[in-house]
Amino acid sequence: MKLSEMREKTADELQEAIVEWKKQLLESRLKLSTHKLEDTASISKIKRLIAKAKTVITEKGKENA
């Protein structure tokens, strides 16, 4: 998901997306520990998505205040 797409979503939708990404992150970490994860870069990509979403939520909070 691109940053522009994130900015179009509401804060609640972003929170739900963060929960899903955290689940994916946990699954990826478990696969990594069992040596079944082929794309190790996916862990950093998911972490960046979560960080971007949190940043957009903070921006939306500042706009409303």
C-alpha atoms as a PDB file:
ATOM      1  CA  MET A   1       0.000   0.000   0.000  1.00  0.00           C
ATOM      2  CA  LYS A   2       1.343   3.377  -0.977  1.00  0.00           C
ATOM      3  CA  LEU A   3       1.477   6.377   1.302  1.00  0.00           C
ATOM      4  CA  SER A   4      -1.085   8.241  -0.808  1.00  0.00           C
ATOM      5  CA  GLU A   5      -3.495   5.317  -0.423  1.00  0.00           C
ATOM      6  CA  MET A   6      -2.959   5.362   3.340  1.00  0.00           C
ATOM      7  CA  ARG A   7      -3.781   9.054   3.539  1.00  0.00           C
ATOM      8  CA  GLU A   8      -7.148   8.409   1.853  1.00  0.00           C
ATOM      9  CA  LYS A   9      -8.194   5.912   4.531  1.00  0.00           C
ATOM     10  CA  THR A  10      -9.671   6.745   7.922  1.00  0.00           C
ATOM     11  CA  ALA A  11      -7.772   6.254  11.158  1.00  0.00           C
ATOM     12  CA  ASP A  12      -9.942   3.248  12.049  1.00  0.00           C
ATOM     13  CA  GLU A  13      -9.218   1.564   8.724  1.00  0.00           C
ATOM     14  CA  LEU A  14      -5.519   2.145   9.267  1.00  0.00           C
ATOM     15  CA  GLN A  15      -5.716   0.647  12.756  1.00  0.00           C
ATOM     16  CA  GLU A  16      -7.320  -2.485  11.298  1.00  0.00           C
ATOM     17  CA  ALA A  17      -4.596  -2.655   8.653  1.00  0.00           C
ATOM     18  CA  ILE A  18      -1.922  -2.351  11.346  1.00  0.00           C
ATOM     19  CA  VAL A  19      -3.433  -5.307  13.217  1.00  0.00           C
ATOM     20  CA  GLU A  20      -3.358  -7.400  10.030  1.00  0.00           C
ATOM     21  CA  TRP A  21       0.243  -6.396   9.290  1.00  0.00           C
ATOM     22  CA  LYS A  22       1.290  -7.285  12.836  1.00  0.00           C
ATOM     23  CA  LYS A  23      -0.230 -10.746  12.330  1.00  0.00           C
ATOM     24  CA  GLN A  24       1.708 -11.095   9.073  1.00  0.00           C
ATOM     25  CA  LEU A  25       4.863  -9.948  10.841  1.00  0.00           C
ATOM     26  CA  LEU A  26       4.439 -12.580  13.546  1.00  0.00           C
ATOM     27  CA  GLU A  27       3.861 -15.297  10.937  1.00  0.00           C
ATOM     28  CA  SER A  28       6.925 -14.160   8.999  1.00  0.00           C
ATOM     29  CA  ARG A  29       9.078 -14.232  12.104  1.00  0.00           C
ATOM     30  CA  LEU A  30       7.886 -17.741  12.935  1.00  0.00           C
ATOM     31  CA  LYS A  31       8.642 -18.889   9.392  1.00  0.00           C
ATOM     32  CA  LEU A  32      12.063 -17.266   9.610  1.00  0.00           C
ATOM     33  CA  SER A  33      12.870 -19.136  12.800  1.00  0.00           C
ATOM     34  CA  THR A  34      11.886 -22.453  11.191  1.00  0.00           C
ATOM     35  CA  HIS A  35      13.850 -21.603   8.016  1.00  0.00           C
ATOM     36  CA  LYS A  36      10.722 -21.660   5.838  1.00  0.00           C
ATOM     37  CA  LEU A  37      10.710 -17.969   4.948  1.00  0.00           C
ATOM     38  CA  GLU A  38      12.103 -17.404   1.472  1.00  0.00           C
ATOM     39  CA  ASP A  39      11.670 -13.619   1.234  1.00  0.00           C
ATOM     40  CA  THR A  40      13.447 -12.301   4.309  1.00  0.00           C
ATOM     41  CA  ALA A  41      12.988  -8.716   3.116  1.00  0.00           C
ATOM     42  CA  SER A  42       9.261  -9.064   3.753  1.00  0.00           C
ATOM     43  CA  ILE A  43       9.855  -8.554   7.481  1.00  0.00           C
ATOM     44  CA  SER A  44      11.365  -5.098   6.949  1.00  0.00           C
ATOM     45  CA  LYS A  45       8.694  -4.213   4.402  1.00  0.00           C
ATOM     46  CA  ILE A  46       5.923  -5.035   6.855  1.00  0.00           C
ATOM     47  CA  LYS A  47       7.649  -3.053   9.604  1.00  0.00           C
ATOM     48  CA  ARG A  48       7.888  -0.038   7.294  1.00  0.00           C
ATOM     49  CA  LEU A  49       4.191  -0.328   6.391  1.00  0.00           C
ATOM     50  CA  ILE A  50       3.264  -0.315  10.073  1.00  0.00           C
ATOM     51  CA  ALA A  51       5.464   2.715  10.725  1.00  0.00           C
ATOM     52  CA  LYS A  52       4.005   4.618   7.756  1.00  0.00           C
ATOM     53  CA  ALA A  53       0.455   3.855   8.878  1.00  0.00           C
ATOM     54  CA  LYS A  54       1.199   5.045  12.404  1.00  0.00           C
ATOM     55  CA  THR A  55       2.705   8.242  10.994  1.00  0.00           C
ATOM     56  CA  VAL A  56      -0.409   8.911   8.902  1.00  0.00           C
ATOM     57  CA  ILE A  57      -2.627   8.321  11.958  1.00  0.00           C
ATOM     58  CA  THR A  58      -0.547  10.870  13.900  1.00  0.00           C
ATOM     59  CA  GLU A  59      -0.820  13.363  11.043  1.00  0.00           C
ATOM     60  CA  LYS A  60      -4.593  12.949  10.951  1.00  0.00           C
ATOM     61  CA  GLY A  61      -4.737  13.493  14.706  1.00  0.00           C
ATOM     62  CA  LYS A  62      -2.793  16.741  14.436  1.00  0.00           C
ATOM     63  CA  GLU A  63      -5.015  17.989  11.611  1.00  0.00           C
ATOM     64  CA  ASN A  64      -8.133  17.444  13.699  1.00  0.00           C
ATOM     65  CA  ALA A  65      -6.718  19.130  16.793  1.00  0.00           C
END
